[in-house]
Protein backbone atom coordinates (compact mmCIF):
# COMPACT_ATOMS: atom_id res chain seq x y z
CA MET A 1 0.00 0.00 0.00
CA THR A 2 1.27 3.46 -0.91
CA HIS A 3 0.31 5.97 1.77
CA ASP A 4 -0.56 9.59 1.11
CA TYR A 5 1.62 10.71 4.02
CA LEU A 6 4.45 9.06 5.87
CA ILE A 7 5.69 10.90 8.95
CA ILE A 8 9.12 10.05 10.34
CA GLY A 9 9.25 10.65 14.08
CA ALA A 10 6.63 10.49 16.85
CA GLY A 11 7.87 13.51 18.75
CA PRO A 12 5.66 16.56 19.34
CA ALA A 13 5.68 17.69 15.69
CA GLY A 14 4.99 14.25 14.24
CA LEU A 15 2.14 13.71 16.68
CA GLN A 16 0.71 17.18 16.00
CA LEU A 17 0.56 16.54 12.26
CA ALA A 18 -0.78 13.02 12.78
CA ALA A 19 -3.58 14.33 14.99
CA LEU A 20 -4.63 16.84 12.34
CA LEU A 21 -4.52 14.23 9.57
CA GLU A 22 -6.45 11.78 11.77
CA ARG A 23 -9.11 14.39 12.52
CA ASP A 24 -9.65 15.02 8.81
CA GLY A 25 -9.62 11.35 7.82
CA HIS A 26 -6.47 11.41 5.69
CA ASP A 27 -4.28 8.39 5.01
CA TYR A 28 -1.03 8.49 6.98
CA VAL A 29 1.35 6.46 9.13
CA VAL A 30 3.96 7.61 11.66
CA LEU A 31 7.24 5.70 11.94
CA GLU A 32 8.99 5.92 15.31
CA ALA A 33 12.34 4.31 16.08
CA GLY A 34 11.66 4.14 19.82
CA ALA A 35 9.24 2.05 21.81
CA ALA A 36 7.02 5.02 22.65
CA ALA A 37 6.31 8.62 21.63
CA GLY A 38 8.65 11.43 22.62
CA THR A 39 11.82 9.34 22.84
CA PHE A 40 14.03 12.46 22.59
CA PHE A 41 12.62 13.78 25.86
CA THR A 42 13.50 10.59 27.72
CA ARG A 43 17.13 11.79 27.38
CA TYR A 44 16.96 15.57 27.04
CA PRO A 45 17.43 17.90 28.68
CA ARG A 46 20.03 15.88 30.57
CA HIS A 47 19.18 17.42 33.94
CA ARG A 48 15.45 16.86 33.32
CA THR A 49 14.04 20.36 33.77
CA LEU A 50 12.36 21.89 30.73
CA ILE A 51 12.83 25.55 29.86
CA SER A 52 9.41 25.68 28.18
CA ILE A 53 7.05 27.46 30.54
CA ASN A 54 3.83 26.07 31.94
CA LYS A 55 1.88 29.01 33.37
CA VAL A 56 -1.37 27.49 34.56
CA PHE A 57 -3.02 30.57 36.07
CA THR A 58 -3.48 33.50 33.68
CA GLY A 59 -6.69 35.08 34.97
CA SER A 60 -8.41 34.17 31.70
CA GLU A 61 -10.84 31.44 30.68
CA ASP A 62 -10.08 31.89 26.97
CA PRO A 63 -8.32 28.70 25.78
CA GLU A 64 -6.62 30.48 22.88
CA PHE A 65 -5.23 33.23 25.10
CA ASN A 66 -4.06 30.70 27.68
CA LEU A 67 -1.90 28.94 25.10
CA ARG A 68 0.31 32.04 25.11
CA SER A 69 1.61 30.89 28.49
CA ASP A 70 1.42 27.15 27.82
CA TRP A 71 4.50 26.18 25.84
CA ASN A 72 4.08 22.41 26.02
CA SER A 73 0.53 21.56 24.93
CA LEU A 74 -0.14 20.43 21.38
CA LEU A 75 -3.18 21.75 19.54
CA THR A 76 -6.24 19.69 20.37
CA ASP A 77 -9.97 19.99 20.94
CA ASP A 78 -9.69 17.67 23.96
CA PRO A 79 -9.30 19.74 27.16
CA ALA A 80 -7.95 16.65 28.94
CA LEU A 81 -4.90 16.81 26.67
CA LEU A 82 -3.67 20.14 27.95
CA PHE A 83 -0.29 20.03 29.65
CA LYS A 84 -1.60 21.73 32.79
CA ASN A 85 -3.24 18.39 33.60
CA TYR A 86 0.20 16.78 33.74
CA SER A 87 2.14 19.35 35.75
CA ARG A 88 1.53 22.60 37.63
CA ARG A 89 5.22 23.54 37.75
CA TYR A 90 6.27 26.64 35.82
CA PHE A 91 9.35 24.79 34.55
CA PRO A 92 8.11 21.20 34.48
CA SER A 93 10.04 17.96 34.41
CA ALA A 94 10.85 16.38 31.06
CA ASP A 95 9.31 13.18 32.42
CA ASP A 96 5.94 14.94 32.55
CA LEU A 97 6.26 15.79 28.86
CA VAL A 98 7.05 12.16 28.06
CA ARG A 99 3.84 11.09 29.84
CA TYR A 100 1.88 13.77 28.01
CA LEU A 101 3.15 12.76 24.56
CA LYS A 102 2.43 9.10 25.28
CA ASP A 103 -1.19 9.92 26.03
CA PHE A 104 -1.46 12.29 23.06
CA ALA A 105 -0.29 9.47 20.77
CA ASP A 106 -3.13 7.16 21.82
CA GLY A 107 -5.47 6.56 18.89
CA LEU A 108 -2.99 7.80 16.28
CA LYS A 109 -1.50 5.53 13.63
CA VAL A 110 2.02 5.19 15.00
CA SER A 111 4.27 2.20 14.25
CA TYR A 112 6.91 1.90 16.98
CA GLY A 113 10.28 0.17 16.71
CA ARG A 114 10.56 1.27 13.07
CA LYS A 115 13.96 2.90 12.79
CA VAL A 116 14.27 4.41 9.33
CA GLN A 117 17.41 3.20 7.58
CA ARG A 118 17.00 4.49 4.04
CA VAL A 119 14.76 6.92 2.15
CA SER A 120 14.74 6.94 -1.64
CA ARG A 121 12.52 8.40 -4.34
CA ALA A 122 11.63 7.20 -7.85
CA GLU A 123 8.88 8.31 -10.22
CA GLY A 124 7.33 10.53 -7.57
CA ILE A 125 7.04 7.79 -4.93
CA PHE A 126 9.14 7.54 -1.77
CA THR A 127 10.40 4.21 -0.48
CA VAL A 128 11.20 4.18 3.22
CA GLU A 129 13.07 1.18 4.55
CA THR A 130 12.97 0.52 8.28
CA SER A 131 14.55 -2.04 10.55
CA VAL A 132 11.35 -4.10 10.32
CA GLU A 133 9.56 -3.42 7.02
CA THR A 134 9.45 -1.16 3.98
CA PHE A 135 6.85 1.54 3.34
CA THR A 136 5.96 3.59 0.26
CA ALA A 137 4.36 7.02 0.24
CA ARG A 138 3.52 9.90 -2.06
CA ARG A 139 4.79 12.40 0.47
CA VAL A 140 7.21 12.14 3.39
CA VAL A 141 7.24 14.52 6.34
CA VAL A 142 10.43 14.42 8.42
CA ALA A 143 9.79 15.30 12.07
CA THR A 144 12.92 13.79 13.64
CA GLY A 145 14.20 16.97 15.24
CA VAL A 146 17.95 17.50 15.50
CA PRO A 147 19.21 14.34 17.23
CA GLN A 148 22.87 14.51 16.26
CA LEU A 149 25.33 16.41 18.46
CA TYR A 150 27.24 19.03 16.48
CA VAL A 151 30.99 18.49 16.88
CA PRO A 152 32.96 21.63 15.99
CA PRO A 153 36.14 21.34 13.91
CA ILE A 154 38.56 21.49 16.86
CA GLU A 155 41.78 19.54 16.81
CA GLY A 156 41.37 16.91 19.51
CA ALA A 157 37.57 17.26 19.80
CA GLU A 158 37.30 13.45 19.83
CA LEU A 159 38.96 13.48 23.28
CA CYS A 160 36.09 15.44 24.83
CA GLU A 161 33.13 14.15 26.76
CA ARG A 162 29.81 15.07 25.18
CA TYR A 163 26.64 16.70 26.48
CA ASP A 164 24.60 13.74 25.24
CA THR A 165 26.58 11.13 27.18
CA VAL A 166 28.50 12.85 30.01
CA SER A 167 27.58 11.84 33.54
CA VAL A 168 24.98 14.03 35.26
CA ASP A 169 26.16 13.03 38.73
CA PRO A 170 27.91 16.11 40.20
CA ALA A 171 29.83 13.92 42.66
CA GLY A 172 32.01 12.67 39.81
CA PHE A 173 33.34 16.22 39.28
CA GLU A 174 34.36 17.04 42.85
CA ASN A 175 37.34 19.40 43.07
CA GLN A 176 38.01 19.18 39.32
CA ARG A 177 38.77 21.84 36.73
CA VAL A 178 36.13 21.61 34.00
CA LEU A 179 35.90 23.27 30.59
CA ILE A 180 32.52 23.35 28.84
CA ILE A 181 32.67 24.29 25.16
CA GLY A 182 29.49 26.06 24.05
CA LYS A 183 27.44 29.02 25.22
CA GLY A 184 23.88 27.83 24.81
CA ASN A 185 21.36 26.53 27.31
CA SER A 186 22.81 23.02 27.33
CA ALA A 187 26.25 24.39 28.25
CA PHE A 188 24.94 26.55 31.08
CA GLU A 189 22.52 23.85 32.25
CA THR A 190 25.59 21.63 32.65
CA ALA A 191 27.63 24.37 34.32
CA ASP A 192 24.87 25.17 36.82
CA ALA A 193 24.68 21.51 37.78
CA LEU A 194 28.40 21.43 38.59
CA VAL A 195 28.71 24.67 40.57
CA GLU A 196 28.52 22.90 43.96
CA SER A 197 31.08 20.21 43.13
CA ALA A 198 33.69 21.40 40.61
CA ALA A 199 36.66 23.49 41.72
CA VAL A 200 36.78 25.60 38.56
CA ILE A 201 34.33 25.79 35.65
CA HIS A 202 35.03 27.68 32.43
CA VAL A 203 32.39 28.06 29.72
CA ALA A 204 33.93 28.94 26.35
CA GLY A 205 32.71 29.97 22.93
CA PRO A 206 33.56 32.32 20.07
CA HIS A 207 30.51 34.58 20.44
CA ALA A 208 29.23 36.77 23.25
CA ILE A 209 26.44 35.37 25.40
CA ARG A 210 23.03 36.35 24.13
CA LEU A 211 20.36 36.61 26.82
CA ALA A 212 16.82 35.64 25.89
CA TRP A 213 15.33 38.53 27.87
CA GLN A 214 17.18 40.93 25.61
CA THR A 215 16.90 39.24 22.22
CA HIS A 216 13.36 37.85 22.77
CA TYR A 217 14.57 34.61 21.16
CA VAL A 218 13.76 31.88 23.67
CA GLY A 219 16.62 29.67 22.46
CA HIS A 220 19.22 32.14 23.73
CA LEU A 221 20.41 31.83 27.31
CA ARG A 222 17.43 31.68 29.65
CA ALA A 223 17.33 33.02 33.19
CA VAL A 224 16.59 29.54 34.52
CA ASN A 225 20.06 28.47 33.32
CA ASN A 226 22.11 31.58 34.05
CA ASN A 227 22.90 31.25 37.77
CA PHE A 228 26.42 30.39 36.67
CA LEU A 229 26.91 34.01 35.55
CA ASP A 230 26.65 35.09 39.19
CA THR A 231 29.53 32.80 40.11
CA TYR A 232 31.63 34.37 37.36
CA GLN A 233 30.93 38.03 38.00
CA LEU A 234 31.08 37.61 41.79
CA LYS A 235 34.50 35.93 41.59
CA SER A 236 33.81 32.34 42.62
CA GLN A 237 36.61 30.77 40.53
CA ASN A 238 34.36 30.32 37.48
CA ALA A 239 34.56 32.21 34.19
CA VAL A 240 33.10 32.71 30.75
CA LEU A 241 35.80 32.73 28.06
CA ASP A 242 35.22 34.61 24.81
CA GLY A 243 37.20 33.02 22.00
CA THR A 244 37.97 29.71 20.34
CA VAL A 245 39.52 26.46 21.46
CA GLU A 246 42.30 25.85 18.95
CA SER A 247 43.40 22.40 20.10
CA ILE A 248 42.97 19.81 22.84
CA VAL A 249 45.69 17.33 23.84
CA ARG A 250 45.81 14.75 26.61
CA ARG A 251 48.39 15.36 29.32
CA ASP A 252 50.54 12.58 30.69
CA ASP A 253 48.75 12.79 34.03
CA GLY A 254 45.38 12.10 32.37
CA GLY A 255 44.06 15.65 32.20
CA PHE A 256 43.93 17.92 29.17
CA ARG A 257 45.77 20.97 27.91
CA ILE A 258 43.99 23.29 25.54
CA VAL A 259 45.23 26.15 23.41
CA PHE A 260 42.73 28.99 23.63
CA ARG A 261 42.57 32.02 21.34
CA TYR A 262 41.02 34.99 23.12
CA ALA A 263 38.64 37.17 21.16
CA ARG A 264 39.34 40.49 22.84
CA THR A 265 42.44 40.61 25.04
CA SER A 266 46.08 41.44 24.45
CA GLU A 267 46.95 37.87 25.42
CA ARG A 268 45.81 36.26 22.18
CA LEU A 269 46.88 32.64 22.84
CA ARG A 270 47.02 30.83 26.15
CA GLU A 271 47.51 27.25 27.28
CA ILE A 272 45.09 26.15 30.03
CA ASP A 273 44.89 22.82 31.86
CA TYR A 274 41.66 20.99 32.78
CA ASP A 275 40.65 17.67 34.27
CA ARG A 276 37.52 17.36 32.09
CA VAL A 277 36.43 18.91 28.78
CA ILE A 278 32.76 18.70 27.74
CA LEU A 279 31.25 19.53 24.34
CA ALA A 280 27.85 21.25 24.58
CA THR A 281 27.80 22.74 21.11
CA GLY A 282 24.24 22.14 19.96
CA PHE A 283 22.57 19.66 17.65
CA ARG A 284 22.11 19.11 13.95
CA PHE A 285 19.89 17.29 11.44
CA ASP A 286 20.89 13.73 10.57
CA ALA A 287 20.68 13.38 6.77
CA SER A 288 22.40 9.98 6.63
CA ILE A 289 19.15 8.08 5.96
CA PHE A 290 18.64 9.71 2.54
CA ASP A 291 20.14 8.24 -0.59
CA GLU A 292 21.05 10.42 -3.56
CA SER A 293 17.57 10.26 -5.07
CA ALA A 294 16.01 11.89 -2.00
CA ARG A 295 18.87 13.71 -0.28
CA PRO A 296 17.72 17.20 0.78
CA GLU A 297 19.93 20.23 0.34
CA LEU A 298 21.19 21.52 3.68
CA ALA A 299 21.54 25.04 5.08
CA ILE A 300 23.05 26.97 8.02
CA ASN A 301 26.38 25.12 8.14
CA ASP A 302 24.57 21.92 7.12
CA ARG A 303 22.63 21.88 10.40
CA PHE A 304 19.14 22.00 8.86
CA PRO A 305 17.40 21.00 5.63
CA ALA A 306 16.82 23.93 3.27
CA GLN A 307 13.09 24.62 2.86
CA THR A 308 10.65 26.58 0.76
CA PRO A 309 7.99 28.78 2.42
CA ALA A 310 5.77 25.66 2.30
CA PHE A 311 8.22 23.70 4.52
CA GLU A 312 9.14 21.56 1.51
CA SER A 313 12.67 20.59 0.53
CA VAL A 314 14.06 23.03 -2.01
CA ASN A 315 15.35 20.17 -4.17
CA VAL A 316 13.23 17.08 -3.38
CA PRO A 317 9.54 17.52 -4.30
CA GLY A 318 7.16 15.92 -1.82
CA LEU A 319 9.68 15.90 1.03
CA TYR A 320 8.45 18.13 3.86
CA PHE A 321 9.77 19.03 7.31
CA ALA A 322 7.93 19.67 10.56
CA GLY A 323 8.84 20.70 14.06
CA THR A 324 12.21 22.02 15.14
CA LEU A 325 13.61 21.31 11.67
CA SER A 326 11.39 24.09 10.34
CA GLN A 327 13.40 26.66 12.29
CA GLN A 328 15.55 26.96 9.18
CA ARG A 329 12.82 29.34 8.06
CA ASP A 330 13.22 31.68 11.07
CA PHE A 331 16.56 30.66 12.57
CA LYS A 332 17.18 32.42 15.90
CA LYS A 333 14.47 34.97 15.15
CA SER A 334 11.14 33.42 16.13
CA THR A 335 9.91 30.15 17.65
CA ASN A 336 9.75 27.36 15.06
CA GLY A 337 12.46 25.57 17.04
CA PHE A 338 10.13 25.01 20.01
CA ILE A 339 6.81 23.29 20.69
CA HIS A 340 4.94 26.51 21.42
CA GLY A 341 5.99 27.82 18.01
CA PHE A 342 6.10 24.83 15.70
CA ARG A 343 2.69 23.52 16.78
CA TYR A 344 1.35 26.42 14.69
CA GLY A 345 3.88 25.82 11.94
CA VAL A 346 2.67 22.22 11.75
CA ARG A 347 -0.95 23.39 11.53
CA ALA A 348 0.09 25.72 8.71
CA LEU A 349 1.84 22.81 6.97
CA HIS A 350 -1.32 20.72 7.34
CA ARG A 351 -3.35 23.47 5.68
CA ILE A 352 -0.80 23.78 2.89
CA LEU A 353 -0.96 20.02 2.27
CA ARG A 354 -4.76 20.08 2.20
CA SER A 355 -4.72 22.96 -0.25
CA ARG A 356 -2.11 21.42 -2.53
CA HIS A 357 -3.23 17.82 -2.55
CA HIS A 358 -6.90 17.70 -1.52
CA ASP A 359 -8.36 20.87 -3.05
CA ILE A 360 -9.31 22.23 0.39
CA PRO A 361 -8.71 26.00 0.53
CA TRP A 362 -7.16 27.72 3.51
CA PRO A 363 -9.93 28.08 6.11
CA SER A 364 -11.46 31.52 6.23
CA ALA A 365 -14.54 33.31 7.49
CA PRO A 366 -16.53 36.08 5.81
CA VAL A 367 -16.38 39.57 7.26
CA GLU A 368 -18.21 42.66 6.11
CA ALA A 369 -16.00 44.71 3.81
CA THR A 370 -16.34 47.82 5.94
CA PRO A 371 -13.64 49.58 7.97
CA GLU A 372 -15.57 49.01 11.18
CA ALA A 373 -16.14 45.28 10.69
CA ILE A 374 -12.59 44.57 9.55
CA THR A 375 -11.15 46.61 12.42
CA ASP A 376 -13.33 44.77 14.95
CA ALA A 377 -12.20 41.39 13.55
CA ILE A 378 -8.53 42.35 13.74
CA ILE A 379 -8.78 43.79 17.26
CA ALA A 380 -10.63 40.71 18.50
CA ARG A 381 -7.93 38.38 17.19
CA ILE A 382 -4.77 40.21 18.18
CA ASN A 383 -5.90 40.40 21.79
CA VAL A 384 -6.20 36.62 22.21
CA SER A 385 -4.26 34.95 19.38
CA SER A 386 -1.53 32.61 20.59
CA ALA A 387 -0.24 31.75 17.11
CA LEU A 388 0.62 35.36 16.18
CA TRP A 389 1.94 35.93 19.71
CA GLN A 390 4.31 32.94 19.57
CA GLN A 391 5.26 33.11 15.89
CA PHE A 392 5.90 36.84 15.86
CA GLY A 393 6.73 38.15 12.41
CA VAL A 394 6.35 34.64 10.93
CA LEU A 395 2.60 33.95 10.97
CA ALA A 396 -0.04 36.47 10.00
CA ASP A 397 -3.78 36.82 9.91
CA VAL A 398 -4.79 37.97 6.43
CA VAL A 399 -7.94 39.84 5.42
CA THR A 400 -8.51 39.66 1.68
CA VAL A 401 -10.86 42.07 -0.07
CA SER A 402 -12.14 41.45 -3.58
CA GLY A 403 -15.32 42.43 -5.42
CA GLY A 404 -16.81 44.11 -2.38
CA ALA A 405 -16.40 40.97 -0.22
CA ALA A 406 -13.86 40.30 2.50
CA ARG A 407 -12.62 37.10 4.12
CA TYR A 408 -10.52 36.57 7.26
CA HIS A 409 -7.74 33.94 7.07
CA GLN A 410 -5.89 32.95 10.24
CA GLU A 411 -2.24 32.00 10.78
CA VAL A 412 -0.82 32.15 7.27
CA PRO A 413 3.00 31.99 7.02
CA VAL A 414 4.08 35.45 5.88
CA ALA A 415 6.59 33.96 3.44
CA TYR A 416 3.84 31.80 1.89
CA LEU A 417 1.48 34.66 1.06
CA GLY A 418 0.35 34.79 -2.53
CA PRO A 419 -0.62 37.99 -4.38
CA GLU A 420 -4.15 39.23 -3.75
CA PRO A 421 -5.86 42.33 -5.23
CA LEU A 422 -6.01 43.75 -1.69
CA ALA A 423 -4.80 42.10 1.49
CA LEU A 424 -4.41 43.35 5.04
CA VAL A 425 -1.62 41.34 6.69
CA VAL A 426 -1.69 41.36 10.49
CA THR A 427 1.35 40.34 12.55
CA LEU A 428 2.77 40.85 16.01
CA GLU A 429 6.36 42.11 15.87
CA TYR A 430 9.16 43.63 17.89
CA GLY A 431 10.59 46.86 16.54
CA PRO A 432 13.94 47.03 14.76
CA GLY A 433 16.87 47.16 17.15
CA HIS A 434 14.84 45.67 20.02
CA ASP A 435 17.71 43.28 20.82
CA GLN A 436 20.41 45.95 20.94
CA VAL A 437 19.52 47.61 24.25
CA ASP A 438 19.35 46.47 27.85
CA PRO A 439 15.61 46.11 28.53
CA PHE A 440 16.20 46.96 32.19
CA ASP A 441 18.12 50.18 31.54
CA ILE A 442 15.75 52.96 32.55
CA THR A 443 18.01 55.59 30.96
CA VAL A 444 17.28 54.26 27.47
CA PRO A 445 14.70 56.50 25.74
CA ARG A 446 11.33 54.77 25.53
CA ILE A 447 8.29 55.25 23.39
CA ALA A 448 5.38 56.28 25.57
CA GLU A 449 2.88 53.53 26.21
CA ASN A 450 -0.41 53.91 24.33
CA ASP A 451 0.98 56.69 22.14
CA ALA A 452 -0.61 56.19 18.75
CA ALA A 453 1.47 58.94 17.13
CA THR A 454 4.79 57.19 17.85
CA ALA A 455 3.58 53.59 17.54
CA HIS A 456 5.77 53.02 14.47
CA ARG A 457 8.86 53.57 16.64
CA ALA A 458 7.90 51.00 19.27
CA SER A 459 10.51 48.37 20.09
CA TYR A 460 8.35 46.10 22.23
CA LEU A 461 5.92 43.51 20.79
CA HIS A 462 2.99 45.22 19.09
CA PRO A 463 0.59 44.65 16.18
CA VAL A 464 1.53 45.71 12.66
CA VAL A 465 -1.00 45.85 9.82
CA ARG A 466 0.31 46.03 6.26
CA CYS A 467 -1.74 46.70 3.16
CA LEU A 468 -0.58 44.75 0.10
CA ARG A 469 -1.93 45.33 -3.40
CA ASP A 470 -1.21 42.46 -5.81
CA GLY A 471 1.49 41.31 -3.41
CA VAL A 472 3.25 44.69 -3.24
CA LEU A 473 3.45 46.65 0.01
CA HIS A 474 1.23 49.73 -0.18
CA LYS A 475 0.95 51.09 3.38
CA THR A 476 1.81 50.09 6.95
CA HIS A 477 0.09 50.83 10.25
CA HIS A 478 1.51 50.15 13.73
CA LEU A 479 -0.68 49.83 16.81
CA ALA A 480 0.73 51.40 19.97
CA GLU A 481 2.45 49.07 22.41
CA ASN A 482 0.70 48.40 25.71
CA LEU A 483 2.16 47.18 29.01
CA GLU A 484 -0.37 44.34 29.37
CA ASN A 485 -0.74 43.76 25.63
CA HIS A 486 -4.31 45.00 25.52
CA TRP A 487 -4.60 46.55 22.07
CA ASN A 488 -8.24 47.56 22.32
CA LEU A 489 -8.35 51.14 23.60
CA PRO A 490 -10.85 53.03 21.40
CA ALA A 491 -8.87 56.26 20.89
CA VAL A 492 -5.41 54.63 20.86
CA HIS A 493 -5.87 51.39 18.94
CA GLN A 494 -9.34 50.97 17.47
CA GLU A 495 -9.98 54.36 15.89
CA PRO A 496 -6.53 54.84 14.27
CA LEU A 497 -6.76 51.32 12.81
CA ALA A 498 -10.27 51.99 11.47
CA ARG A 499 -9.02 55.16 9.75
CA PHE A 500 -6.16 53.19 8.18
CA VAL A 501 -8.49 50.46 6.93
CA LYS A 502 -10.92 53.05 5.54
CA ASP A 503 -8.07 54.76 3.71
CA VAL A 504 -6.81 51.59 2.02
CA LEU A 505 -10.32 50.42 1.14
């Protein structure tokens, strides 16, 4: 049997797509190498605390609004399958997510113990060979995440311990000098765990630390992992090194000597001794399962598959990507690398597949083609939408106007937009340069809250409405930022937007 869709991976993205296909009665099968769903999260993060937030109490009963603060739930109509029913902790345990994904997978067509060994393509049909049996499909969706540790080109890197296998027992590091290579959350998660046992910890990397509270990219260093910075700046024998490890050699006494090239000191090269060296340098896509007939082109230092705005391989028709792999489209800018972002990317992919292969248009609702009605529809959505909130600048609500009729389309990837005679494209965005200033520096000039006249200069998250004619930008309107993100004040938000809509109509 040749399936319409074959999904590789029963992690959050694979399950999200499977649930949508199951709901609509499409033919699909999910292949999972492990014995249960969510195998990745049985190992990661290594110290078992997620950095995806789980804010149960928001003061609202609106389920869409509440997803803004729920970064672990998948999209479902079943209220029992909300993550708040599995944990009340703000930063929950990874084990809770494993339990959640197992329950979410119930009733979906998942074949476990099917490790994919080879993917090929001939005459428009994919052949997927697993450790147990062979499948064929018209379309393949890869939702495997990034399971392969990235090993940087450092002489002697093979001598290092690795984030994916190093012991998580702090007792094994007592009174030792430890070097951790990498400056992401996995590196600092590891460093924080060793603060009470190691004598000296250095965290090294070629780039300056980027803090998530400043960049608004949740993959940069999070506060939950940055206690180590206190031990550095308050002189507790630990340090962050800016520069590159040039080489690693084993010393005769069993430790290691590294040659380090500083990025910004007069002492350019220095030899430093350590007892342990750990690689925590991030992950990458594993393309080894693809033969030449189906091998996707790679991007971003070969860490991700290159994709079109439809999440399709740029060089292999019918090969799609879902989940954290789709962050190639918004790398280190928005949230496709995380459940709370890619759950909406997967829903967009599902709608694209339905449109392309089942003649089902993007869902939309009619709205009166008047400035008042369109304004009311936009205001209602931007004040509760989780998709636009999470996928800022990436997903948009689109109001199309043609022949005196208007329709409201939700959550369209901005890059996927086609030309329309008249379209109002609604996004939530940070202003340019928002990541260049200290958000806690009260001496930095600020745009006044609820100031409609200066809304276009806002740096904080706020709604932006663009008018496109035949796909070409015609005019742009910014709604004033608001401390509690309530963009519904009549004189500040509603009336200026209504004037803008009236003008473009």
